[in-house]
């Protein structure tokens, strides 16, 4: 049981963190920072590009977070085989963050460049 719990807790915490980032992204309140967010050349171009890109990517980010939370629940049910849930959860979030990065980059590219950064 300790294997299941020690696998489920980090997956759950990561899923909640990703959900928080998706929520802040959707509301446009995730500030440009060095710790969390999608960093492409397009999203880093300006504050507006950052907000636009993250708002567009909020749904794929959220889907990735939900996958981690589901993987945490599955880890509890799998017991000694919790690593299988962790592997699926990690693969799930990687795929959805790639999708989110693509969506964010395309949306941010539509925003004009910040004149202060030119």
Protein backbone atom coordinates (compact mmCIF):
# COMPACT_ATOMS: atom_id res chain seq x y z
CA UNK A 1 0.00 0.00 0.00
CA UNK A 2 2.92 2.35 0.65
CA UNK A 3 3.96 2.08 -2.99
CA UNK A 4 0.49 3.09 -4.14
CA UNK A 5 0.33 6.07 -1.78
CA UNK A 6 3.87 7.25 -2.52
CA UNK A 7 3.02 7.14 -6.23
CA UNK A 8 -0.46 8.67 -5.99
CA UNK A 9 0.44 11.68 -3.83
CA UNK A 10 3.00 13.24 -6.23
CA UNK A 11 0.71 12.55 -9.20
CA UNK A 12 -2.18 14.23 -7.40
CA UNK A 13 -0.09 17.25 -6.38
CA UNK A 14 1.28 17.64 -9.92
CA UNK A 15 -2.23 17.34 -11.35
CA UNK A 16 -3.54 20.01 -8.99
CA UNK A 17 -0.63 22.31 -9.88
CA UNK A 18 -1.34 21.85 -13.59
CA UNK A 19 -5.05 22.52 -13.00
CA UNK A 20 -4.17 25.71 -11.12
CA UNK A 21 -1.98 26.84 -14.03
CA UNK A 22 -4.79 26.06 -16.50
CA UNK A 23 -7.26 28.05 -14.40
CA UNK A 24 -4.93 31.05 -14.17
CA UNK A 25 -4.19 30.75 -17.90
CA UNK A 26 -7.87 30.74 -18.83
CA UNK A 27 -8.52 33.83 -16.69
CA UNK A 28 -5.49 35.64 -18.09
CA UNK A 29 -3.97 36.00 -14.63
CA UNK A 30 -0.88 33.80 -15.05
CA UNK A 31 1.92 36.37 -15.12
CA UNK A 32 4.97 36.10 -17.31
CA UNK A 33 7.44 34.37 -14.97
CA UNK A 34 10.40 32.00 -14.84
CA UNK A 35 8.71 29.13 -12.98
CA UNK A 36 5.51 28.02 -14.70
CA UNK A 37 4.06 28.44 -18.16
CA UNK A 38 4.61 27.69 -21.82
CA UNK A 39 7.85 29.18 -23.06
CA UNK A 40 8.01 29.46 -26.81
CA UNK A 41 9.57 32.31 -28.75
CA UNK A 42 6.04 33.47 -29.60
CA UNK A 43 4.69 33.46 -26.01
CA UNK A 44 7.78 35.20 -24.64
CA UNK A 45 7.57 38.02 -27.17
CA UNK A 46 5.32 40.24 -25.01
CA UNK A 47 2.89 40.26 -22.08
CA UNK A 48 -0.04 40.22 -24.52
CA UNK A 49 1.42 37.27 -26.43
CA UNK A 50 1.94 35.43 -23.12
CA UNK A 51 -1.65 35.99 -22.00
CA UNK A 52 -3.13 35.20 -25.43
CA UNK A 53 -1.10 32.03 -25.84
CA UNK A 54 -1.91 30.73 -22.38
CA UNK A 55 -5.60 31.56 -22.68
CA UNK A 56 -5.73 29.56 -25.92
CA UNK A 57 -3.88 26.63 -24.34
CA UNK A 58 -5.92 26.48 -21.12
CA UNK A 59 -8.07 23.54 -22.23
CA UNK A 60 -5.21 21.24 -23.32
CA UNK A 61 -3.33 22.14 -20.13
CA UNK A 62 -6.41 21.26 -18.08
CA UNK A 63 -6.89 17.94 -19.90
CA UNK A 64 -3.30 17.07 -19.02
CA UNK A 65 -3.91 17.91 -15.37
CA UNK A 66 -7.05 15.80 -15.24
CA UNK A 67 -5.04 12.88 -16.62
CA UNK A 68 -2.56 13.17 -13.76
CA UNK A 69 -5.37 13.23 -11.19
CA UNK A 70 -6.95 10.15 -12.79
CA UNK A 71 -3.55 8.44 -12.76
CA UNK A 72 -3.25 9.22 -9.03
CA UNK A 73 -6.60 7.56 -8.36
CA UNK A 74 -5.64 4.59 -10.53
CA UNK A 75 -2.36 4.20 -8.63
CA UNK A 76 -4.30 3.69 -5.41
CA UNK A 77 -6.35 0.92 -6.99
CA UNK A 78 -3.38 -0.78 -8.61
CA UNK A 79 -1.41 -1.16 -5.38
CA UNK A 80 1.96 -2.74 -6.14
CA UNK A 81 1.51 -1.99 -9.86
CA UNK A 82 1.07 1.75 -9.25
CA UNK A 83 4.07 2.47 -11.47
CA UNK A 84 1.91 1.54 -14.46
CA UNK A 85 -0.51 4.37 -13.60
CA UNK A 86 2.41 6.74 -13.09
CA UNK A 87 3.84 5.89 -16.53
CA UNK A 88 0.49 6.45 -18.23
CA UNK A 89 -0.03 9.69 -16.30
CA UNK A 90 3.39 11.00 -17.27
CA UNK A 91 2.91 10.08 -20.92
CA UNK A 92 -0.54 11.72 -20.86
CA UNK A 93 0.74 15.04 -19.50
CA UNK A 94 3.66 15.12 -21.94
CA UNK A 95 1.34 14.65 -24.92
CA UNK A 96 -1.11 17.32 -23.74
CA UNK A 97 1.66 19.81 -22.92
CA UNK A 98 3.03 19.36 -26.44
CA UNK A 99 -0.47 20.07 -27.79
CA UNK A 100 -0.79 23.08 -25.45
CA UNK A 101 2.58 24.44 -26.57
CA UNK A 102 1.55 24.21 -30.21
CA UNK A 103 -1.78 25.92 -29.54
CA UNK A 104 -0.15 28.63 -27.39
CA UNK A 105 2.56 29.32 -29.94
CA UNK A 106 0.07 29.69 -32.78
CA UNK A 107 -2.21 31.97 -30.75
CA UNK A 108 0.67 34.10 -29.48
CA UNK A 109 2.03 34.50 -33.01
CA UNK A 110 -1.14 36.38 -33.95
CA UNK A 111 -0.38 39.11 -31.40
CA UNK A 112 1.67 42.11 -32.55
CA UNK A 113 5.16 42.54 -31.12
CA UNK A 114 5.62 44.68 -28.03
CA UNK A 115 7.14 48.02 -29.18
CA UNK A 116 9.06 48.33 -25.89
CA UNK A 117 10.99 45.14 -26.66
CA UNK A 118 11.97 46.12 -30.21
